[in-house]
């Protein structure tokens, strides 16, 4: 069994997928890109601003389920340019200050809407 997660506090799906799915005591969040949840537009301004927006979107989805970053057990970070890793990592560390989850970080050729970063998470209830 699964439950579809949906909130207006995070960007709406821009394709045939859900913002998140709850199944087996876990929350699987779709990859978040730096979209403003109100306007649906990309937040520009460099990797710092984009990473912060992505993590704020994730925070909104977690809060919808009454969870925090402490509940996150795994993240995957997709970067357009691995040279942005240090800057992304600094902002990421502000949101995951302690009990950090397992993480993978990879550079890929292109992300939706040509953004610089996308992050997906798995959290435990």
N, C-alpha and C. Protein backbone atom coordinates (compact mmCIF):
# COMPACT_ATOMS: atom_id res chain seq x y z
N UNK A 1 0.83 -1.19 0.00
CA UNK A 1 0.00 0.00 0.00
C UNK A 1 0.87 1.24 0.00
N UNK A 2 0.38 2.25 -0.67
CA UNK A 2 1.08 3.51 -0.68
C UNK A 2 0.08 4.65 -0.58
N UNK A 3 0.59 5.78 -0.07
CA UNK A 3 -0.20 6.99 0.05
C UNK A 3 0.53 8.10 -0.68
N UNK A 4 -0.17 8.80 -1.54
CA UNK A 4 0.42 9.91 -2.29
C UNK A 4 0.45 11.15 -1.41
N UNK A 5 1.58 11.83 -1.39
CA UNK A 5 1.78 13.04 -0.60
C UNK A 5 1.67 14.25 -1.53
N UNK A 6 0.90 15.25 -1.08
CA UNK A 6 0.72 16.45 -1.89
C UNK A 6 0.47 17.64 -0.96
N UNK A 7 1.19 18.74 -1.23
CA UNK A 7 1.00 19.97 -0.47
C UNK A 7 1.22 21.17 -1.40
N UNK A 8 0.50 22.24 -1.13
CA UNK A 8 0.69 23.48 -1.88
C UNK A 8 1.91 24.26 -1.40
N UNK A 9 2.51 23.83 -0.29
CA UNK A 9 3.68 24.53 0.26
C UNK A 9 4.97 24.20 -0.45
N UNK A 10 4.91 23.25 -1.38
CA UNK A 10 6.07 22.88 -2.19
C UNK A 10 5.64 22.93 -3.65
N UNK A 11 6.60 23.04 -4.57
CA UNK A 11 6.24 23.10 -5.99
C UNK A 11 5.42 21.88 -6.42
N UNK A 12 4.48 22.14 -7.27
CA UNK A 12 3.66 21.05 -7.80
C UNK A 12 4.48 20.25 -8.80
N UNK A 13 4.15 19.00 -8.96
CA UNK A 13 4.83 18.14 -9.92
C UNK A 13 4.70 18.74 -11.31
N UNK A 14 5.79 18.69 -12.08
CA UNK A 14 5.76 19.24 -13.44
C UNK A 14 5.72 18.11 -14.48
N UNK A 15 5.27 16.96 -14.04
CA UNK A 15 5.17 15.80 -14.92
C UNK A 15 4.29 14.75 -14.28
N UNK A 16 4.25 13.55 -14.84
CA UNK A 16 3.41 12.48 -14.29
C UNK A 16 4.08 11.75 -13.12
N UNK A 17 4.22 12.46 -12.01
CA UNK A 17 4.78 11.89 -10.79
C UNK A 17 4.18 12.61 -9.60
N UNK A 18 4.44 12.09 -8.41
CA UNK A 18 3.92 12.67 -7.17
C UNK A 18 5.03 13.44 -6.46
N UNK A 19 4.64 14.40 -5.64
CA UNK A 19 5.62 15.10 -4.81
C UNK A 19 6.31 14.10 -3.88
N UNK A 20 5.55 13.15 -3.41
CA UNK A 20 6.10 12.13 -2.53
C UNK A 20 5.15 10.96 -2.40
N UNK A 21 5.69 9.86 -1.89
CA UNK A 21 4.91 8.66 -1.65
C UNK A 21 5.30 8.09 -0.29
N UNK A 22 4.29 7.80 0.50
CA UNK A 22 4.48 7.15 1.80
C UNK A 22 4.21 5.66 1.61
N UNK A 23 5.17 4.82 2.03
CA UNK A 23 5.01 3.37 1.91
C UNK A 23 5.92 2.67 2.92
N UNK A 24 5.39 1.70 3.61
CA UNK A 24 6.19 0.87 4.51
C UNK A 24 6.98 1.63 5.56
N UNK A 25 6.40 2.69 6.12
CA UNK A 25 7.09 3.45 7.15
C UNK A 25 8.14 4.41 6.63
N UNK A 26 8.20 4.56 5.31
CA UNK A 26 9.16 5.47 4.69
C UNK A 26 8.44 6.51 3.85
N UNK A 27 9.08 7.66 3.70
CA UNK A 27 8.59 8.72 2.83
C UNK A 27 9.62 8.90 1.73
N UNK A 28 9.19 8.72 0.49
CA UNK A 28 10.05 8.88 -0.68
C UNK A 28 9.64 10.19 -1.35
N UNK A 29 10.53 11.18 -1.33
CA UNK A 29 10.23 12.45 -1.97
C UNK A 29 10.86 12.49 -3.35
N UNK A 30 10.08 12.93 -4.32
CA UNK A 30 10.62 13.12 -5.66
C UNK A 30 11.69 14.18 -5.61
N UNK A 31 12.60 14.13 -6.56
CA UNK A 31 13.66 15.13 -6.63
C UNK A 31 13.08 16.53 -6.69
N UNK A 32 13.63 17.40 -5.88
CA UNK A 32 13.19 18.79 -5.84
C UNK A 32 14.21 19.66 -6.56
N UNK A 33 13.70 20.53 -7.41
CA UNK A 33 14.54 21.51 -8.06
C UNK A 33 14.17 22.88 -7.49
N UNK A 34 14.96 23.92 -7.76
CA UNK A 34 14.73 25.22 -7.13
C UNK A 34 13.57 26.00 -7.75
N UNK A 35 12.36 25.48 -7.53
CA UNK A 35 11.17 26.18 -7.98
C UNK A 35 10.52 26.90 -6.81
N UNK A 36 10.09 28.11 -7.03
CA UNK A 36 9.31 28.84 -6.04
C UNK A 36 7.92 28.21 -6.01
N UNK A 37 7.45 27.73 -4.84
CA UNK A 37 6.16 27.04 -4.80
C UNK A 37 4.98 27.95 -5.12
N UNK A 38 5.14 29.25 -4.97
CA UNK A 38 4.04 30.18 -5.25
C UNK A 38 3.93 30.48 -6.74
N UNK A 39 5.07 30.78 -7.36
CA UNK A 39 5.06 31.19 -8.77
C UNK A 39 5.30 30.03 -9.72
N UNK A 40 5.93 28.96 -9.23
CA UNK A 40 6.28 27.84 -10.10
C UNK A 40 7.49 28.14 -10.98
N UNK A 41 8.13 29.27 -10.73
CA UNK A 41 9.29 29.68 -11.53
C UNK A 41 10.60 29.27 -10.87
N UNK A 42 11.62 29.08 -11.68
CA UNK A 42 12.95 28.73 -11.17
C UNK A 42 13.52 29.91 -10.39
N UNK A 43 14.12 29.61 -9.25
CA UNK A 43 14.84 30.61 -8.46
C UNK A 43 16.26 30.64 -8.98
N UNK A 44 16.66 31.77 -9.54
CA UNK A 44 18.02 31.92 -10.06
C UNK A 44 18.86 32.63 -9.01
N UNK A 45 20.15 32.78 -9.28
CA UNK A 45 21.02 33.47 -8.35
C UNK A 45 22.19 32.64 -7.89
N UNK A 46 22.48 31.58 -8.58
CA UNK A 46 23.65 30.78 -8.24
C UNK A 46 23.30 29.54 -7.44
N UNK A 47 24.31 28.71 -7.26
CA UNK A 47 24.11 27.42 -6.58
C UNK A 47 23.66 27.59 -5.14
N UNK A 48 24.13 28.62 -4.44
CA UNK A 48 23.72 28.82 -3.05
C UNK A 48 22.21 29.04 -2.95
N UNK A 49 21.69 29.97 -3.73
CA UNK A 49 20.26 30.26 -3.69
C UNK A 49 19.43 29.08 -4.18
N UNK A 50 19.93 28.39 -5.20
CA UNK A 50 19.18 27.25 -5.71
C UNK A 50 19.16 26.11 -4.71
N UNK A 51 20.29 25.84 -4.06
CA UNK A 51 20.33 24.77 -3.05
C UNK A 51 19.41 25.10 -1.88
N UNK A 52 19.44 26.34 -1.44
CA UNK A 52 18.58 26.75 -0.32
C UNK A 52 17.10 26.58 -0.68
N UNK A 53 16.72 26.95 -1.91
CA UNK A 53 15.32 26.79 -2.32
C UNK A 53 14.93 25.32 -2.37
N UNK A 54 15.81 24.49 -2.92
CA UNK A 54 15.54 23.05 -2.98
C UNK A 54 15.31 22.51 -1.57
N UNK A 55 16.18 22.86 -0.64
CA UNK A 55 16.06 22.33 0.73
C UNK A 55 14.85 22.92 1.45
N UNK A 56 14.47 24.14 1.15
CA UNK A 56 13.23 24.69 1.71
C UNK A 56 12.01 23.96 1.16
N UNK A 57 12.05 23.58 -0.11
CA UNK A 57 10.96 22.79 -0.68
C UNK A 57 10.87 21.42 0.01
N UNK A 58 12.02 20.80 0.24
CA UNK A 58 12.04 19.52 0.94
C UNK A 58 11.51 19.69 2.36
N UNK A 59 11.92 20.76 3.02
CA UNK A 59 11.44 21.03 4.38
C UNK A 59 9.92 21.12 4.41
N UNK A 60 9.33 21.81 3.43
CA UNK A 60 7.87 21.95 3.38
C UNK A 60 7.19 20.59 3.23
N UNK A 61 7.75 19.73 2.41
CA UNK A 61 7.19 18.39 2.23
C UNK A 61 7.33 17.56 3.50
N UNK A 62 8.48 17.65 4.14
CA UNK A 62 8.68 16.93 5.41
C UNK A 62 7.70 17.43 6.46
N UNK A 63 7.57 18.75 6.59
CA UNK A 63 6.66 19.32 7.59
C UNK A 63 5.22 18.92 7.33
N UNK A 64 4.85 18.79 6.06
CA UNK A 64 3.49 18.34 5.73
C UNK A 64 3.21 16.99 6.36
N UNK A 65 4.24 16.18 6.49
CA UNK A 65 4.12 14.85 7.10
C UNK A 65 4.55 14.84 8.56
N UNK A 66 4.73 16.03 9.14
CA UNK A 66 5.15 16.18 10.54
C UNK A 66 6.51 15.53 10.80
N UNK A 67 7.41 15.68 9.82
CA UNK A 67 8.76 15.17 9.92
C UNK A 67 9.73 16.34 9.84
N UNK A 68 11.00 16.07 10.16
CA UNK A 68 12.06 17.07 10.06
C UNK A 68 13.23 16.45 9.30
N UNK A 69 14.28 17.24 9.13
CA UNK A 69 15.47 16.71 8.48
C UNK A 69 16.10 15.59 9.29
N UNK A 70 15.79 15.52 10.58
CA UNK A 70 16.30 14.43 11.42
C UNK A 70 15.73 13.07 10.99
N UNK A 71 14.58 13.08 10.31
CA UNK A 71 13.96 11.84 9.85
C UNK A 71 14.54 11.33 8.53
N UNK A 72 15.32 12.17 7.86
CA UNK A 72 15.86 11.79 6.55
C UNK A 72 16.98 10.77 6.74
N UNK A 73 16.87 9.66 6.00
CA UNK A 73 17.87 8.59 6.11
C UNK A 73 18.79 8.51 4.89
N UNK A 74 18.35 9.08 3.74
CA UNK A 74 19.16 9.01 2.52
C UNK A 74 18.82 10.18 1.62
N UNK A 75 19.85 10.78 1.04
CA UNK A 75 19.65 11.82 0.03
C UNK A 75 20.48 11.47 -1.20
N UNK A 76 20.00 11.97 -2.32
CA UNK A 76 20.78 11.92 -3.55
C UNK A 76 20.81 13.33 -4.11
N UNK A 77 22.00 13.84 -4.34
CA UNK A 77 22.20 15.19 -4.86
C UNK A 77 22.67 15.07 -6.31
N UNK A 78 21.97 15.73 -7.19
CA UNK A 78 22.33 15.77 -8.61
C UNK A 78 22.81 17.18 -8.92
N UNK A 79 24.03 17.30 -9.39
CA UNK A 79 24.62 18.60 -9.70
C UNK A 79 24.89 18.71 -11.19
N UNK A 80 24.63 19.88 -11.73
CA UNK A 80 24.96 20.17 -13.12
C UNK A 80 26.47 20.28 -13.29
N UNK A 81 27.15 20.77 -12.22
CA UNK A 81 28.59 20.98 -12.27
C UNK A 81 29.19 20.61 -10.92
N UNK A 82 30.04 19.60 -10.90
CA UNK A 82 30.65 19.16 -9.63
C UNK A 82 31.51 20.25 -9.01
N UNK A 83 31.89 21.27 -9.76
CA UNK A 83 32.61 22.40 -9.18
C UNK A 83 31.74 23.17 -8.19
N UNK A 84 30.43 22.96 -8.22
CA UNK A 84 29.50 23.59 -7.28
C UNK A 84 29.36 22.81 -5.98
N UNK A 85 30.05 21.67 -5.89
CA UNK A 85 29.87 20.78 -4.73
C UNK A 85 30.13 21.48 -3.40
N UNK A 86 31.22 22.21 -3.27
CA UNK A 86 31.57 22.85 -1.99
C UNK A 86 30.50 23.85 -1.56
N UNK A 87 30.02 24.66 -2.49
CA UNK A 87 28.98 25.64 -2.16
C UNK A 87 27.68 24.95 -1.78
N UNK A 88 27.29 23.94 -2.58
CA UNK A 88 26.08 23.18 -2.25
C UNK A 88 26.22 22.53 -0.89
N UNK A 89 27.38 21.95 -0.62
CA UNK A 89 27.62 21.24 0.62
C UNK A 89 27.52 22.15 1.84
N UNK A 90 27.96 23.39 1.70
CA UNK A 90 27.87 24.34 2.82
C UNK A 90 26.41 24.62 3.17
N UNK A 91 25.58 24.88 2.18
CA UNK A 91 24.15 25.14 2.43
C UNK A 91 23.49 23.86 2.95
N UNK A 92 23.80 22.74 2.33
CA UNK A 92 23.26 21.44 2.74
C UNK A 92 23.54 21.20 4.24
N UNK A 93 24.74 21.52 4.67
CA UNK A 93 25.14 21.34 6.06
C UNK A 93 24.34 22.17 7.03
N UNK A 94 23.81 23.31 6.60
CA UNK A 94 22.95 24.13 7.46
C UNK A 94 21.64 23.41 7.76
N UNK A 95 21.14 22.65 6.82
CA UNK A 95 19.87 21.94 6.99
C UNK A 95 20.06 20.59 7.67
N UNK A 96 21.21 19.98 7.45
CA UNK A 96 21.54 18.69 8.07
C UNK A 96 22.70 18.91 9.04
N UNK A 97 22.41 19.61 10.14
CA UNK A 97 23.45 20.01 11.09
C UNK A 97 23.96 18.85 11.94
N UNK A 98 23.13 17.86 12.19
CA UNK A 98 23.56 16.71 13.00
C UNK A 98 22.84 15.46 12.50
N UNK A 99 23.35 14.32 12.89
CA UNK A 99 22.76 13.04 12.47
C UNK A 99 22.49 13.02 10.97
N UNK A 100 23.53 13.34 10.20
CA UNK A 100 23.39 13.44 8.76
C UNK A 100 23.00 12.09 8.15
N UNK A 101 22.18 12.15 7.10
CA UNK A 101 21.78 10.92 6.41
C UNK A 101 22.90 10.41 5.51
N UNK A 102 22.73 9.20 5.02
CA UNK A 102 23.60 8.71 3.96
C UNK A 102 23.34 9.59 2.74
N UNK A 103 24.37 9.73 1.88
CA UNK A 103 24.20 10.63 0.73
C UNK A 103 25.03 10.16 -0.45
N UNK A 104 24.49 10.37 -1.62
CA UNK A 104 25.22 10.24 -2.87
C UNK A 104 25.17 11.60 -3.55
N UNK A 105 26.23 11.96 -4.25
CA UNK A 105 26.25 13.20 -5.01
C UNK A 105 26.89 12.90 -6.36
N UNK A 106 26.19 13.26 -7.42
CA UNK A 106 26.68 12.97 -8.76
C UNK A 106 26.49 14.17 -9.67
N UNK A 107 27.37 14.27 -10.64
CA UNK A 107 27.22 15.27 -11.69
C UNK A 107 26.50 14.62 -12.85
N UNK A 108 25.54 15.34 -13.40
CA UNK A 108 24.82 14.82 -14.56
C UNK A 108 24.82 15.86 -15.67
N UNK A 109 24.51 15.43 -16.86
CA UNK A 109 24.60 16.32 -18.03
C UNK A 109 23.59 17.46 -17.99
N UNK A 110 22.37 17.16 -17.55
CA UNK A 110 21.34 18.20 -17.58
C UNK A 110 20.24 17.87 -16.59
N UNK A 111 19.68 18.92 -15.99
CA UNK A 111 18.57 18.78 -15.06
C UNK A 111 17.34 19.49 -15.63
N UNK A 112 16.14 19.14 -15.13
CA UNK A 112 14.94 19.81 -15.62
C UNK A 112 15.07 21.34 -15.50
N UNK A 113 14.58 22.02 -16.50
CA UNK A 113 14.58 23.49 -16.57
C UNK A 113 15.99 24.08 -16.47
N UNK A 114 16.99 23.27 -16.75
CA UNK A 114 18.39 23.70 -16.75
C UNK A 114 18.85 24.29 -15.42
N UNK A 115 18.32 23.77 -14.31
CA UNK A 115 18.76 24.22 -12.99
C UNK A 115 20.11 23.61 -12.66
N UNK A 116 20.69 24.07 -11.57
CA UNK A 116 22.03 23.62 -11.18
C UNK A 116 22.03 22.46 -10.19
N UNK A 117 20.89 22.23 -9.50
CA UNK A 117 20.86 21.20 -8.46
C UNK A 117 19.45 20.61 -8.33
N UNK A 118 19.42 19.32 -8.02
CA UNK A 118 18.20 18.61 -7.68
C UNK A 118 18.55 17.66 -6.55
N UNK A 119 17.66 17.56 -5.56
CA UNK A 119 17.91 16.67 -4.42
C UNK A 119 16.64 15.86 -4.16
N UNK A 120 16.85 14.54 -3.98
CA UNK A 120 15.74 13.67 -3.58
C UNK A 120 16.07 13.08 -2.21
N UNK A 121 15.05 12.76 -1.44
CA UNK A 121 15.30 12.22 -0.10
C UNK A 121 14.36 11.05 0.20
N UNK A 122 14.83 10.25 1.13
CA UNK A 122 14.02 9.19 1.74
C UNK A 122 14.06 9.46 3.24
N UNK A 123 12.88 9.50 3.85
CA UNK A 123 12.78 9.76 5.29
C UNK A 123 12.01 8.61 5.95
N UNK A 124 12.28 8.39 7.22
CA UNK A 124 11.60 7.37 8.00
C UNK A 124 10.63 8.03 8.97
N UNK A 125 9.45 7.42 9.12
CA UNK A 125 8.45 7.93 10.07
C UNK A 125 8.79 7.47 11.47
